[in-house]
Amino acid sequence: MTSSLPPEELERLRQRYGDAGGGTMHDPHFAAVAAQIFSAADRRKWPFADVATFLGAHYRADGLTAPQGLQGLDVALVGVPMDLGVTHRAGARFGPRAVRAAERIGPYEHRLRIAPAAHLRLADVGDVPMRSRYNLEECHADIERCFAAIHAAGVLPLAVGGDHSITGSIMKALGRQQPMGMVHVDAHCDTAGIYEGSKFHHGGPFREAVLAGVLDPRRCIQIGIRGGAEYLWEFSYDSGMTVIHAETFAQMGVAAVVARARAVVGDGPTYVTFDVDGVDPAFTPGTGTPEVGGLTTLEALELLRGLAGIDIVGGDVMEVAPSYDPTSNTAQVGAQALFTLACLIALSPRFNQGVEK
């Protein structure tokens, strides 16, 4: 068969693209992105080479230890390898390592039309230094202290855990001056009370944050909730949080849920927390408390993308437990969610001047 293209059109394409390198782009927007990525017309960093970092970002070894370690950064990518707060299957302590190892994430987000590393000064600053691998309360004190230092430096954190109890201590560090709103993707509301003498467990961080005065419950929306723990989430309803169950999400559709989320958080400072068990375990089996009937990966990404333009002041990806997923899919989902959160920061009111929409 011969080409359906007219000969003159085929010749035009040959002239324009026949000898062009893989990094040669003619569209001005694509060319601007390529210029940030390729060192020559067809060369970019191998995704499988060198030491793994979150999103392939530059590694700043002294970011969390030296007095000026965070200087010049907009965003600090932080690992929190702690899972002493789990109620069932352990293993999320290996989540940061697995998410760092995920390849082929970014550099460009096609729906949001942005390469966040071109607009943000971001670096992987390593893992939170913790004094004890055994003491849950001390770990949380160390987490809060670390994120308070990041916040004081004027840097926005993106964290990878670890179990979801971590988020409560991050919020205590970020919301001291002004309570935050929250977009929370999860199978569980995580607003339960004290269990077996401990308030530091992954089923209760958001009750803790509200009671500490750092989280405004009326500006909180929890999305994807399901499973047999519904009776534990009374605090969510009593405090005024908006709860959208997984079946309601399916009935409403992504666009309506996005509109609801944007209405709930408004234009105030907002934290976005993404538990991988919010996604159905068909896609993310590597987690400690899987619940069937969750979001698809596309629904989860469209939900996050729909938040572009909110005042995001930090975010996290939690509960990646790679030992339960030999495919590495769960870590891939976690890394993609982390990348999308970086995009949201680049498109937030704090940074989006001059970013092409």
Protein backbone atom coordinates (compact mmCIF):
# COMPACT_ATOMS: atom_id res chain seq x y z
CA MET A 1 0.00 0.00 0.00
CA THR A 2 1.08 3.55 -0.64
CA SER A 3 0.81 6.33 1.91
CA SER A 4 -2.51 8.17 2.05
CA LEU A 5 -0.59 11.41 2.51
CA PRO A 6 -0.24 13.63 -0.56
CA PRO A 7 3.36 13.49 -1.82
CA GLU A 8 3.99 17.12 -0.93
CA GLU A 9 2.83 16.55 2.70
CA LEU A 10 5.03 13.48 3.05
CA GLU A 11 7.97 15.47 1.71
CA ARG A 12 7.26 18.28 4.19
CA LEU A 13 7.37 15.83 7.10
CA ARG A 14 10.57 14.27 5.79
CA GLN A 15 12.22 17.66 5.53
CA ARG A 16 11.15 18.68 9.01
CA TYR A 17 11.59 15.45 10.95
CA GLY A 18 13.71 13.06 8.91
CA ASP A 19 17.02 13.94 10.57
CA ALA A 20 15.69 15.66 13.69
CA GLY A 21 16.91 14.48 17.08
CA GLY A 22 14.53 13.15 19.70
CA GLY A 23 14.77 16.38 21.66
CA THR A 24 14.06 18.66 18.70
CA MET A 25 10.59 20.18 19.02
CA HIS A 26 8.92 22.82 16.86
CA ASP A 27 5.94 23.61 19.08
CA PRO A 28 7.13 26.46 21.37
CA HIS A 29 5.62 24.91 24.50
CA PHE A 30 7.10 21.48 23.85
CA ALA A 31 10.43 23.06 22.88
CA ALA A 32 10.58 24.92 26.20
CA VAL A 33 10.03 21.66 28.08
CA ALA A 34 12.60 19.79 25.98
CA ALA A 35 15.18 22.50 26.59
CA GLN A 36 14.96 21.77 30.32
CA ILE A 37 15.35 18.02 29.88
CA PHE A 38 17.80 17.30 27.07
CA SER A 39 21.49 18.17 27.30
CA ALA A 40 21.74 17.70 23.53
CA ALA A 41 19.17 17.18 20.80
CA ASP A 42 18.60 13.54 21.69
CA ARG A 43 20.21 12.98 25.10
CA ARG A 44 18.59 12.94 28.52
CA LYS A 45 19.56 11.41 31.83
CA TRP A 46 19.04 7.65 31.98
CA PRO A 47 16.14 6.94 34.35
CA PHE A 48 17.78 3.71 35.53
CA ALA A 49 21.24 5.13 36.26
CA ASP A 50 22.80 6.68 39.37
CA VAL A 51 21.38 6.79 42.89
CA ALA A 52 17.58 6.83 42.96
CA THR A 53 15.86 10.00 44.21
CA PHE A 54 12.24 11.10 44.34
CA LEU A 55 11.16 12.06 40.79
CA GLY A 56 14.81 11.98 39.72
CA ALA A 57 15.37 15.25 41.58
CA HIS A 58 18.75 16.53 42.69
CA TYR A 59 19.81 15.03 46.01
CA ARG A 60 20.77 17.48 48.75
CA ALA A 61 22.54 15.34 51.32
CA ASP A 62 22.64 17.99 54.03
CA GLY A 63 19.12 19.29 53.44
CA LEU A 64 17.80 18.20 56.83
CA THR A 65 20.99 18.42 58.87
CA ALA A 66 22.92 21.56 57.94
CA PRO A 67 21.77 25.03 59.12
CA GLN A 68 21.49 26.26 55.54
CA GLY A 69 20.54 22.90 54.04
CA LEU A 70 17.19 24.07 52.69
CA GLN A 71 18.39 27.41 51.39
CA GLY A 72 17.22 28.27 47.89
CA LEU A 73 14.58 25.55 47.66
CA ASP A 74 10.89 25.95 46.88
CA VAL A 75 10.01 22.30 47.54
CA ALA A 76 11.65 19.67 49.72
CA LEU A 77 10.94 16.04 48.84
CA VAL A 78 11.20 14.16 52.13
CA GLY A 79 11.12 10.48 53.02
CA VAL A 80 9.55 9.35 56.30
CA PRO A 81 10.33 5.62 56.59
CA MET A 82 8.32 4.90 59.75
CA ASP A 83 5.43 2.46 60.18
CA LEU A 84 5.19 1.91 63.92
CA GLY A 85 1.62 3.21 63.84
CA VAL A 86 0.03 0.50 61.69
CA THR A 87 -2.88 -1.57 62.96
CA HIS A 88 -2.39 -4.56 60.65
CA ARG A 89 0.25 -5.27 58.03
CA ALA A 90 3.61 -3.55 58.48
CA GLY A 91 6.02 -2.66 55.67
CA ALA A 92 5.30 0.97 54.74
CA ARG A 93 8.70 1.89 56.20
CA PHE A 94 10.05 0.70 52.84
CA GLY A 95 7.69 3.01 50.93
CA PRO A 96 10.11 5.91 50.42
CA ARG A 97 12.78 3.59 49.03
CA ALA A 98 10.28 2.00 46.62
CA VAL A 99 8.90 5.33 45.42
CA ARG A 100 12.41 6.65 44.85
CA ALA A 101 13.14 3.61 42.70
CA ALA A 102 10.10 4.12 40.46
CA GLU A 103 11.24 5.01 36.95
CA ARG A 104 9.74 7.01 34.08
CA ILE A 105 7.77 9.46 36.23
CA GLY A 106 7.55 12.86 34.59
CA PRO A 107 9.10 15.15 33.60
CA TYR A 108 5.96 16.45 31.83
CA GLU A 109 2.30 16.29 32.88
CA HIS A 110 0.31 16.33 29.68
CA ARG A 111 -3.13 17.19 31.14
CA LEU A 112 -1.77 20.08 33.19
CA ARG A 113 0.76 21.05 30.50
CA ILE A 114 3.62 21.56 32.88
CA ALA A 115 7.06 20.22 33.72
CA PRO A 116 7.25 21.18 37.40
CA ALA A 117 11.05 20.96 37.69
CA ALA A 118 11.27 23.81 35.19
CA HIS A 119 9.32 26.11 37.49
CA LEU A 120 10.28 24.96 40.99
CA ARG A 121 13.58 24.66 42.79
CA LEU A 122 13.09 21.23 44.29
CA ALA A 123 15.39 18.61 45.75
CA ASP A 124 15.26 15.28 47.50
CA VAL A 125 16.55 16.14 50.98
CA GLY A 126 16.65 12.58 52.26
CA ASP A 127 14.76 11.03 55.16
CA VAL A 128 13.65 12.52 58.45
CA PRO A 129 16.37 11.80 61.04
CA MET A 130 14.75 9.85 63.86
CA ARG A 131 16.35 8.95 67.18
CA SER A 132 14.70 5.58 67.68
CA ARG A 133 13.34 2.92 65.39
CA TYR A 134 11.33 1.54 68.32
CA ASN A 135 9.66 4.52 70.03
CA LEU A 136 6.55 5.74 68.21
CA GLU A 137 6.11 8.89 70.30
CA GLU A 138 9.74 9.94 69.77
CA CYS A 139 9.42 9.32 66.04
CA HIS A 140 6.45 11.67 65.90
CA ALA A 141 8.31 14.33 67.86
CA ASP A 142 11.19 14.06 65.38
CA ILE A 143 8.82 14.27 62.41
CA GLU A 144 7.11 17.38 63.76
CA ARG A 145 10.46 19.01 64.54
CA CYS A 146 11.80 18.29 61.06
CA PHE A 147 8.78 19.64 59.20
CA ALA A 148 8.64 22.68 61.46
CA ALA A 149 12.18 23.48 60.32
CA ILE A 150 11.19 23.04 56.67
CA HIS A 151 8.19 25.31 57.19
CA ALA A 152 10.29 27.93 58.99
CA ALA A 153 12.66 27.98 56.03
CA GLY A 154 9.77 28.96 53.75
CA VAL A 155 9.96 25.66 51.86
CA LEU A 156 6.93 23.54 50.97
CA PRO A 157 7.24 19.84 51.84
CA LEU A 158 6.16 16.83 49.82
CA ALA A 159 6.53 13.71 51.94
CA VAL A 160 6.49 9.98 51.27
CA GLY A 161 5.76 7.53 54.08
CA GLY A 162 5.53 5.44 55.97
CA ASP A 163 2.16 4.98 57.63
CA HIS A 164 -0.55 7.61 57.70
CA SER A 165 -0.03 8.55 61.33
CA ILE A 166 2.88 10.63 60.02
CA THR A 167 0.56 13.17 58.41
CA GLY A 168 -0.81 14.30 61.76
CA SER A 169 2.63 15.42 62.93
CA ILE A 170 3.38 17.10 59.61
CA MET A 171 0.15 19.07 59.98
CA LYS A 172 1.09 20.15 63.50
CA ALA A 173 4.26 21.62 62.04
CA LEU A 174 2.61 23.39 59.11
CA GLY A 175 -0.61 24.65 60.67
CA ARG A 176 0.69 26.42 63.76
CA GLN A 177 0.05 29.94 62.46
CA GLN A 178 -3.08 29.19 60.43
CA PRO A 179 -5.25 26.04 60.34
CA MET A 180 -5.23 24.29 56.98
CA GLY A 181 -7.89 22.71 54.83
CA MET A 182 -7.39 19.21 53.48
CA VAL A 183 -8.08 17.06 50.45
CA HIS A 184 -7.72 13.47 51.62
CA VAL A 185 -7.80 10.46 49.26
CA ASP A 186 -8.14 7.25 51.26
CA ALA A 187 -10.26 4.18 51.96
CA HIS A 188 -10.46 5.27 55.61
CA CYS A 189 -11.27 8.58 57.29
CA ASP A 190 -8.50 8.14 59.87
CA THR A 191 -10.38 10.10 62.53
CA ALA A 192 -10.57 7.41 65.22
CA GLY A 193 -9.61 7.85 68.86
CA ILE A 194 -6.98 6.43 71.18
CA TYR A 195 -6.30 2.71 70.84
CA GLU A 196 -4.45 0.66 73.45
CA GLY A 197 -3.09 3.81 75.05
CA SER A 198 -1.75 5.41 71.88
CA LYS A 199 -3.04 8.36 69.89
CA PHE A 200 -0.19 7.98 67.39
CA HIS A 201 -1.64 5.37 65.03
CA HIS A 202 -2.58 5.52 61.38
CA GLY A 203 -6.31 5.40 62.11
CA GLY A 204 -6.44 8.75 63.92
CA PRO A 205 -4.12 11.50 62.59
CA PHE A 206 -6.87 13.85 61.45
CA ARG A 207 -8.77 13.80 64.73
CA GLU A 208 -5.44 14.67 66.37
CA ALA A 209 -4.82 17.50 63.89
CA VAL A 210 -8.27 19.02 64.38
CA LEU A 211 -8.01 18.85 68.17
CA ALA A 212 -4.55 20.43 67.98
CA GLY A 213 -6.10 23.38 66.14
CA VAL A 214 -4.01 22.97 62.99
CA LEU A 215 -6.69 21.49 60.69
CA ASP A 216 -10.01 23.20 59.93
CA PRO A 217 -12.53 20.34 59.64
CA ARG A 218 -15.05 22.44 57.71
CA ARG A 219 -12.45 22.86 55.00
CA CYS A 220 -11.69 19.13 54.81
CA ILE A 221 -12.93 16.62 52.26
CA GLN A 222 -12.26 12.88 52.47
CA ILE A 223 -12.67 10.94 49.23
CA GLY A 224 -12.91 7.21 48.46
CA ILE A 225 -14.03 6.08 51.93
CA ARG A 226 -15.28 2.49 52.20
CA GLY A 227 -14.88 -0.82 53.99
CA GLY A 228 -15.91 -2.18 57.36
CA ALA A 229 -14.54 0.64 59.55
CA GLU A 230 -17.34 3.15 58.91
CA TYR A 231 -18.42 3.05 62.56
CA LEU A 232 -15.04 4.48 63.56
CA TRP A 233 -15.43 7.73 61.66
CA GLU A 234 -18.03 9.55 63.77
CA PHE A 235 -15.57 12.39 64.40
CA SER A 236 -15.46 13.23 60.68
CA TYR A 237 -19.21 13.88 60.61
CA ASP A 238 -19.44 15.54 64.01
CA SER A 239 -16.61 17.97 63.25
CA GLY A 240 -18.04 19.02 59.88
CA MET A 241 -15.77 17.21 57.44
CA THR A 242 -17.16 16.34 54.02
CA VAL A 243 -17.01 12.58 53.42
CA ILE A 244 -17.45 11.12 49.93
CA HIS A 245 -17.65 7.35 49.93
CA ALA A 246 -16.29 5.33 47.04
CA GLU A 247 -19.75 4.41 45.77
CA THR A 248 -20.83 8.05 45.93
CA PHE A 249 -17.70 8.99 44.01
CA ALA A 250 -18.74 6.54 41.28
CA GLN A 251 -22.24 8.01 41.17
CA MET A 252 -21.11 11.64 41.13
CA GLY A 253 -18.23 11.28 38.70
CA VAL A 254 -14.79 12.85 38.88
CA ALA A 255 -15.80 16.32 37.69
CA ALA A 256 -18.52 16.71 40.31
CA VAL A 257 -16.23 15.48 43.08
CA VAL A 258 -13.52 17.91 41.99
CA ALA A 259 -16.03 20.76 42.05
CA ARG A 260 -17.11 19.75 45.54
CA ALA A 261 -13.52 19.52 46.75
CA ARG A 262 -12.66 22.95 45.40
CA ALA A 263 -15.75 24.43 47.04
CA VAL A 264 -14.88 22.84 50.40
CA VAL A 265 -11.26 23.98 50.57
CA GLY A 266 -11.88 27.38 48.99
CA ASP A 267 -8.90 29.67 48.51
CA GLY A 268 -7.23 29.08 51.88
CA PRO A 269 -4.08 27.06 52.58
CA THR A 270 -4.70 23.39 51.86
CA TYR A 271 -2.83 20.16 52.45
CA VAL A 272 -3.29 17.21 50.06
CA THR A 273 -2.73 13.73 51.46
CA PHE A 274 -2.88 10.62 49.28
CA ASP A 275 -3.11 7.17 50.84
CA VAL A 276 -2.52 4.56 48.16
CA ASP A 277 -5.29 2.38 49.64
CA GLY A 278 -7.74 5.00 48.35
CA VAL A 279 -7.07 3.33 45.00
CA ASP A 280 -8.56 -0.13 44.47
CA PRO A 281 -6.14 -2.94 45.42
CA ALA A 282 -6.46 -4.25 41.87
CA PHE A 283 -4.09 -1.35 41.10
CA THR A 284 -2.33 -0.88 44.47
CA PRO A 285 -2.10 -4.19 46.35
CA GLY A 286 1.07 -3.11 48.14
CA THR A 287 -0.46 -1.48 51.19
CA GLY A 288 -1.21 -2.40 54.78
CA THR A 289 -5.02 -2.11 54.80
CA PRO A 290 -6.36 -2.84 51.30
CA GLU A 291 -10.09 -2.30 50.70
CA VAL A 292 -11.78 -3.52 47.51
CA GLY A 293 -14.04 -1.19 45.58
CA GLY A 294 -11.80 1.85 45.36
CA LEU A 295 -10.84 4.42 42.77
CA THR A 296 -9.08 3.52 39.56
CA THR A 297 -5.68 5.02 38.90
CA LEU A 298 -7.13 7.26 36.19
CA GLU A 299 -9.87 8.51 38.54
CA ALA A 300 -7.30 9.26 41.22
CA LEU A 301 -5.07 11.17 38.83
CA GLU A 302 -7.97 13.12 37.35
CA LEU A 303 -9.06 14.03 40.87
CA LEU A 304 -5.61 15.37 41.71
CA ARG A 305 -5.30 17.19 38.40
CA GLY A 306 -8.63 18.86 39.04
CA LEU A 307 -7.16 20.58 42.09
CA ALA A 308 -4.81 22.72 39.99
CA GLY A 309 -4.88 26.30 41.23
CA ILE A 310 -5.71 25.64 44.89
CA ASP A 311 -3.37 27.05 47.54
CA ILE A 312 -1.51 23.83 48.30
CA VAL A 313 0.98 24.27 51.14
CA GLY A 314 2.21 20.69 51.29
CA GLY A 315 1.25 17.14 50.58
CA ASP A 316 2.17 13.52 50.94
CA VAL A 317 1.85 9.97 49.63
CA MET A 318 1.42 7.37 52.35
CA GLU A 319 1.09 3.64 53.02
CA VAL A 320 3.14 2.22 50.13
CA ALA A 321 4.19 -1.21 51.45
CA PRO A 322 6.13 -2.71 48.53
CA SER A 323 6.60 -6.21 49.96
CA TYR A 324 2.93 -6.99 49.21
CA ASP A 325 3.26 -6.05 45.53
CA PRO A 326 5.80 -7.94 43.43
CA THR A 327 4.71 -5.98 40.35
CA SER A 328 5.87 -2.59 41.75
CA ASN A 329 2.58 -1.08 40.56
CA THR A 330 1.82 0.40 43.97
CA ALA A 331 5.11 2.29 44.05
CA GLN A 332 4.46 3.50 40.50
CA VAL A 333 1.08 4.87 41.54
CA GLY A 334 2.64 6.50 44.58
CA ALA A 335 5.38 8.11 42.50
CA GLN A 336 2.88 9.37 39.93
CA ALA A 337 0.74 10.88 42.70
CA LEU A 338 3.84 12.55 44.14
CA PHE A 339 4.70 13.98 40.72
CA THR A 340 1.16 15.30 40.33
CA LEU A 341 1.39 16.98 43.74
CA ALA A 342 4.57 18.71 42.54
CA CYS A 343 2.61 19.92 39.53
CA LEU A 344 -0.12 21.29 41.81
CA ILE A 345 2.46 23.27 43.77
CA ALA A 346 3.90 24.71 40.55
CA LEU A 347 0.38 25.75 39.53
CA SER A 348 -0.58 27.12 42.94
CA PRO A 349 -1.01 30.87 43.54
CA ARG A 350 2.43 30.95 45.15
CA PHE A 351 4.32 29.85 42.06
CA ASN A 352 2.19 29.97 38.94
CA GLN A 353 3.16 33.39 37.60
CA GLY A 354 4.32 32.87 34.08
CA VAL A 355 3.41 29.20 33.91
CA GLU A 356 1.67 28.42 30.62
CA LYS A 357 -1.77 26.90 31.17
